[in-house]
Amino acid sequence: MKIHKALILSAAALVAFAIPQEAGARSARGEKTLGIAGGYASYNHSGYAGVYFQYSFANHFRISPEVDYVFRNDDKSGLAISCDMHFPFRLSRGINIYPLAGLTFNNWNYSDDGSSSRFGGSLGAGFDFYLTQNLKLNVQGKYSLMNDTSGLFAGLGIGYVF
């Protein structure tokens, strides 16, 4: 089942790469975004909240580090730190789509068995919705691939663009 999700996300990322580059992205070289996000983490079937930063090196290439806290459920809570590369493309005025790939580190705390830390990779995709020149919403889903603690992170964020 987990492998099927990873394959679906990988296929979605490949489809996103097929969008013509002439479309151009709203995000331009040098654009920075600082925001907060929250959503659902499938590993412990709980919510998460965190902060993110994005920096666009070029029109179709940005780096996005983020730190998230995963709330306790099923006797598990966690800290997720990731650094993803986004490849945004404009769908229409004020709306971008982006595939993403990156590295991630998760530290899971268990109520009765201590903790476990894992490094792995992330694959996924998202959408940016520019509400104003300085405010955007994003919807993102990514699958963290790692030994014993793989899972989907699906969320919604809001960020200040500067």
C-alpha atoms as a PDB file:
ATOM      1  CA  MET A   1       0.000   0.000   0.000  1.00  0.00           C
ATOM      2  CA  LYS A   2       2.803   2.459   0.882  1.00  0.00           C
ATOM      3  CA  ILE A   3       4.605   1.690  -2.368  1.00  0.00           C
ATOM      4  CA  HIS A   4       1.417   2.457  -4.336  1.00  0.00           C
ATOM      5  CA  LYS A   5       1.176   5.918  -2.720  1.00  0.00           C
ATOM      6  CA  ALA A   6       4.807   6.645  -3.554  1.00  0.00           C
ATOM      7  CA  LEU A   7       4.253   5.582  -7.168  1.00  0.00           C
ATOM      8  CA  ILE A   8       1.163   7.782  -7.478  1.00  0.00           C
ATOM      9  CA  LEU A   9       3.025  10.800  -6.080  1.00  0.00           C
ATOM     10  CA  SER A  10       5.971  10.129  -8.390  1.00  0.00           C
ATOM     11  CA  ALA A  11       3.640   9.944 -11.397  1.00  0.00           C
ATOM     12  CA  ALA A  12       2.012  13.246 -10.366  1.00  0.00           C
ATOM     13  CA  ALA A  13       5.433  14.895 -10.172  1.00  0.00           C
ATOM     14  CA  LEU A  14       6.327  13.617 -13.653  1.00  0.00           C
ATOM     15  CA  VAL A  15       3.048  14.940 -15.081  1.00  0.00           C
ATOM     16  CA  ALA A  16       3.770  18.331 -13.523  1.00  0.00           C
ATOM     17  CA  PHE A  17       7.153  18.392 -15.295  1.00  0.00           C
ATOM     18  CA  ALA A  18       5.298  17.983 -18.598  1.00  0.00           C
ATOM     19  CA  ILE A  19       3.722  21.459 -18.269  1.00  0.00           C
ATOM     20  CA  PRO A  20       5.335  23.733 -20.875  1.00  0.00           C
ATOM     21  CA  GLN A  21       8.051  25.982 -19.492  1.00  0.00           C
ATOM     22  CA  GLU A  22       6.748  28.911 -21.543  1.00  0.00           C
ATOM     23  CA  ALA A  23       3.898  29.250 -19.047  1.00  0.00           C
ATOM     24  CA  GLY A  24       6.252  30.982 -16.567  1.00  0.00           C
ATOM     25  CA  ALA A  25       5.854  30.950 -12.819  1.00  0.00           C
ATOM     26  CA  ARG A  26       4.523  33.765 -10.666  1.00  0.00           C
ATOM     27  CA  SER A  27       7.481  33.344  -8.325  1.00  0.00           C
ATOM     28  CA  ALA A  28      10.521  35.189  -9.649  1.00  0.00           C
ATOM     29  CA  ARG A  29      14.222  34.981  -8.921  1.00  0.00           C
ATOM     30  CA  GLY A  30      14.954  36.323  -5.447  1.00  0.00           C
ATOM     31  CA  GLU A  31      11.399  35.945  -4.120  1.00  0.00           C
ATOM     32  CA  LYS A  32      11.261  34.868  -0.480  1.00  0.00           C
ATOM     33  CA  THR A  33       8.326  33.552   1.542  1.00  0.00           C
ATOM     34  CA  LEU A  34       8.025  32.969   5.284  1.00  0.00           C
ATOM     35  CA  GLY A  35       4.954  31.109   6.461  1.00  0.00           C
ATOM     36  CA  ILE A  36       3.140  28.717   8.725  1.00  0.00           C
ATOM     37  CA  ALA A  37       1.515  25.442   7.735  1.00  0.00           C
ATOM     38  CA  GLY A  38      -0.505  22.632   9.218  1.00  0.00           C
ATOM     39  CA  GLY A  39      -2.159  19.451   8.149  1.00  0.00           C
ATOM     40  CA  TYR A  40      -2.325  15.677   8.479  1.00  0.00           C
ATOM     41  CA  ALA A  41       0.513  13.178   9.077  1.00  0.00           C
ATOM     42  CA  SER A  42      -0.390   9.610   8.186  1.00  0.00           C
ATOM     43  CA  TYR A  43       2.303   7.787  10.212  1.00  0.00           C
ATOM     44  CA  ASN A  44       0.482   8.436  13.493  1.00  0.00           C
ATOM     45  CA  HIS A  45      -2.856   9.633  11.995  1.00  0.00           C
ATOM     46  CA  SER A  46      -2.537  13.045  13.593  1.00  0.00           C
ATOM     47  CA  GLY A  47      -2.188  16.703  12.788  1.00  0.00           C
ATOM     48  CA  TYR A  48       0.986  18.723  12.423  1.00  0.00           C
ATOM     49  CA  ALA A  49       1.957  22.404  12.558  1.00  0.00           C
ATOM     50  CA  GLY A  50       5.128  24.135  11.487  1.00  0.00           C
ATOM     51  CA  VAL A  51       6.999  26.953   9.825  1.00  0.00           C
ATOM     52  CA  TYR A  52       8.565  27.151   6.371  1.00  0.00           C
ATOM     53  CA  PHE A  53      10.795  29.431   4.332  1.00  0.00           C
ATOM     54  CA  GLN A  54      11.061  29.511   0.540  1.00  0.00           C
ATOM     55  CA  TYR A  55      13.714  31.144  -1.619  1.00  0.00           C
ATOM     56  CA  SER A  56      13.467  31.235  -5.434  1.00  0.00           C
ATOM     57  CA  PHE A  57      16.860  30.878  -7.134  1.00  0.00           C
ATOM     58  CA  ALA A  58      15.240  31.090 -10.568  1.00  0.00           C
ATOM     59  CA  ASN A  59      11.734  31.239 -12.049  1.00  0.00           C
ATOM     60  CA  HIS A  60      11.304  27.450 -11.867  1.00  0.00           C
ATOM     61  CA  PHE A  61      13.578  26.511  -8.977  1.00  0.00           C
ATOM     62  CA  ARG A  62      13.268  27.229  -5.246  1.00  0.00           C
ATOM     63  CA  ILE A  63      14.481  25.746  -1.995  1.00  0.00           C
ATOM     64  CA  SER A  64      12.033  25.234   0.867  1.00  0.00           C
ATOM     65  CA  PRO A  65      13.260  24.204   4.332  1.00  0.00           C
ATOM     66  CA  GLU A  66      10.568  23.501   6.930  1.00  0.00           C
ATOM     67  CA  VAL A  67      10.226  22.360  10.532  1.00  0.00           C
ATOM     68  CA  ASP A  68       7.029  20.650  11.711  1.00  0.00           C
ATOM     69  CA  TYR A  69       5.787  19.270  15.020  1.00  0.00           C
ATOM     70  CA  VAL A  70       3.507  16.221  14.708  1.00  0.00           C
ATOM     71  CA  PHE A  71       0.959  16.065  17.533  1.00  0.00           C
ATOM     72  CA  ARG A  72       0.690  12.987  19.747  1.00  0.00           C
ATOM     73  CA  ASN A  73      -1.688  10.237  18.651  1.00  0.00           C
ATOM     74  CA  ASP A  74      -1.429   6.431  18.867  1.00  0.00           C
ATOM     75  CA  ASP A  75       1.246   7.023  21.563  1.00  0.00           C
ATOM     76  CA  LYS A  76       3.498   8.764  18.974  1.00  0.00           C
ATOM     77  CA  SER A  77       4.545  12.374  18.415  1.00  0.00           C
ATOM     78  CA  GLY A  78       7.304  13.690  16.231  1.00  0.00           C
ATOM     79  CA  LEU A  79       9.521  16.364  14.827  1.00  0.00           C
ATOM     80  CA  ALA A  80       9.926  16.532  11.039  1.00  0.00           C
ATOM     81  CA  ILE A  81      12.671  18.632   9.461  1.00  0.00           C
ATOM     82  CA  SER A  82      12.940  18.728   5.689  1.00  0.00           C
ATOM     83  CA  CYS A  83      14.604  20.640   2.894  1.00  0.00           C
ATOM     84  CA  ASP A  84      12.744  20.321  -0.394  1.00  0.00           C
ATOM     85  CA  MET A  85      13.343  21.630  -3.885  1.00  0.00           C
ATOM     86  CA  HIS A  86      10.233  23.007  -5.616  1.00  0.00           C
ATOM     87  CA  PHE A  87       9.864  23.452  -9.363  1.00  0.00           C
ATOM     88  CA  PRO A  88       6.936  25.930  -9.784  1.00  0.00           C
ATOM     89  CA  PHE A  89       5.066  26.492 -13.048  1.00  0.00           C
ATOM     90  CA  ARG A  90       2.207  28.903 -13.683  1.00  0.00           C
ATOM     91  CA  LEU A  91      -1.201  27.352 -14.347  1.00  0.00           C
ATOM     92  CA  SER A  92      -3.069  30.648 -14.541  1.00  0.00           C
ATOM     93  CA  ARG A  93      -2.712  34.136 -13.154  1.00  0.00           C
ATOM     94  CA  GLY A  94      -1.838  33.821  -9.463  1.00  0.00           C
ATOM     95  CA  ILE A  95      -1.855  29.992  -9.421  1.00  0.00           C
ATOM     96  CA  ASN A  96       1.242  27.798  -9.619  1.00  0.00           C
ATOM     97  CA  ILE A  97       1.724  24.061  -9.487  1.00  0.00           C
ATOM     98  CA  TYR A  98       4.974  22.509  -8.340  1.00  0.00           C
ATOM     99  CA  PRO A  99       6.462  19.058  -8.019  1.00  0.00           C
ATOM    100  CA  LEU A 100       8.898  18.663  -5.149  1.00  0.00           C
ATOM    101  CA  ALA A 101      11.724  16.409  -4.061  1.00  0.00           C
ATOM    102  CA  GLY A 102      13.922  16.634  -1.014  1.00  0.00           C
ATOM    103  CA  LEU A 103      15.599  15.244   2.059  1.00  0.00           C
ATOM    104  CA  THR A 104      13.881  14.766   5.396  1.00  0.00           C
ATOM    105  CA  PHE A 105      14.679  13.873   9.000  1.00  0.00           C
ATOM    106  CA  ASN A 106      12.016  12.590  11.398  1.00  0.00           C
ATOM    107  CA  ASN A 107      12.337  11.985  15.130  1.00  0.00           C
ATOM    108  CA  TRP A 108       9.418  10.024  16.560  1.00  0.00           C
ATOM    109  CA  ASN A 109       8.801   9.810  20.324  1.00  0.00           C
ATOM    110  CA  TYR A 110       6.902   6.801  21.614  1.00  0.00           C
ATOM    111  CA  SER A 111       5.100   6.893  24.984  1.00  0.00           C
ATOM    112  CA  ASP A 112       6.576   3.641  26.264  1.00  0.00           C
ATOM    113  CA  ASP A 113       9.496   2.715  23.967  1.00  0.00           C
ATOM    114  CA  GLY A 114      11.716   5.802  23.703  1.00  0.00           C
ATOM    115  CA  SER A 115      12.284   7.364  20.296  1.00  0.00           C
ATOM    116  CA  SER A 116      13.545   6.676  16.786  1.00  0.00           C
ATOM    117  CA  SER A 117      15.232   8.976  14.286  1.00  0.00           C
ATOM    118  CA  ARG A 118      15.337   8.431  10.536  1.00  0.00           C
ATOM    119  CA  PHE A 119      16.709  10.172   7.443  1.00  0.00           C
ATOM    120  CA  GLY A 120      14.983   9.758   4.112  1.00  0.00           C
ATOM    121  CA  GLY A 121      13.642  11.405   1.002  1.00  0.00           C
ATOM    122  CA  SER A 122      10.427  13.199   0.083  1.00  0.00           C
ATOM    123  CA  LEU A 123       8.404  13.301  -3.138  1.00  0.00           C
ATOM    124  CA  GLY A 124       5.241  15.253  -3.728  1.00  0.00           C
ATOM    125  CA  ALA A 125       3.481  18.201  -5.308  1.00  0.00           C
ATOM    126  CA  GLY A 126       1.636  21.367  -4.374  1.00  0.00           C
ATOM    127  CA  PHE A 127      -0.218  24.483  -5.493  1.00  0.00           C
ATOM    128  CA  ASP A 128       0.434  28.163  -4.707  1.00  0.00           C
ATOM    129  CA  PHE A 129      -2.488  30.605  -4.682  1.00  0.00           C
ATOM    130  CA  TYR A 130      -1.391  34.263  -4.617  1.00  0.00           C
ATOM    131  CA  LEU A 131      -4.053  36.209  -2.734  1.00  0.00           C
ATOM    132  CA  THR A 132      -2.121  39.479  -3.065  1.00  0.00           C
ATOM    133  CA  GLN A 133       1.374  40.410  -4.163  1.00  0.00           C
ATOM    134  CA  ASN A 134       2.589  39.750  -0.590  1.00  0.00           C
ATOM    135  CA  LEU A 135       0.341  36.911   0.597  1.00  0.00           C
ATOM    136  CA  LYS A 136      -0.069  33.389  -0.719  1.00  0.00           C
ATOM    137  CA  LEU A 137      -1.767  30.153   0.272  1.00  0.00           C
ATOM    138  CA  ASN A 138      -0.304  26.790  -0.556  1.00  0.00           C
ATOM    139  CA  VAL A 139      -1.705  23.274  -0.591  1.00  0.00           C
ATOM    140  CA  GLN A 140       0.909  20.547  -0.509  1.00  0.00           C
ATOM    141  CA  GLY A 141       1.163  16.797  -0.268  1.00  0.00           C
ATOM    142  CA  LYS A 142       4.373  14.834   0.074  1.00  0.00           C
ATOM    143  CA  TYR A 143       5.347  11.327   0.959  1.00  0.00           C
ATOM    144  CA  SER A 144       8.391  10.839   3.187  1.00  0.00           C
ATOM    145  CA  LEU A 145      10.210   7.652   2.276  1.00  0.00           C
ATOM    146  CA  MET A 146      12.234   6.226   5.177  1.00  0.00           C
ATOM    147  CA  ASN A 147      12.818   2.956   6.953  1.00  0.00           C
ATOM    148  CA  ASP A 148       9.899   1.964   9.277  1.00  0.00           C
ATOM    149  CA  THR A 149       8.415   5.482   9.544  1.00  0.00           C
ATOM    150  CA  SER A 150       7.323   6.433   6.011  1.00  0.00           C
ATOM    151  CA  GLY A 151       4.193   8.498   5.701  1.00  0.00           C
ATOM    152  CA  LEU A 152       2.166  11.130   3.914  1.00  0.00           C
ATOM    153  CA  PHE A 153       2.158  14.778   4.982  1.00  0.00           C
ATOM    154  CA  ALA A 154      -0.782  16.710   3.503  1.00  0.00           C
ATOM    155  CA  GLY A 155      -1.248  20.319   4.492  1.00  0.00           C
ATOM    156  CA  LEU A 156      -2.280  23.902   3.959  1.00  0.00           C
ATOM    157  CA  GLY A 157      -0.078  26.946   4.553  1.00  0.00           C
ATOM    158  CA  ILE A 158      -0.126  30.708   4.402  1.00  0.00           C
ATOM    159  CA  GLY A 159       2.955  32.801   3.783  1.00  0.00           C
ATOM    160  CA  TYR A 160       4.192  36.373   3.551  1.00  0.00           C
ATOM    161  CA  VAL A 161       5.984  37.022   0.245  1.00  0.00           C
ATOM    162  CA  PHE A 162       8.825  39.553   0.221  1.00  0.00           C
END
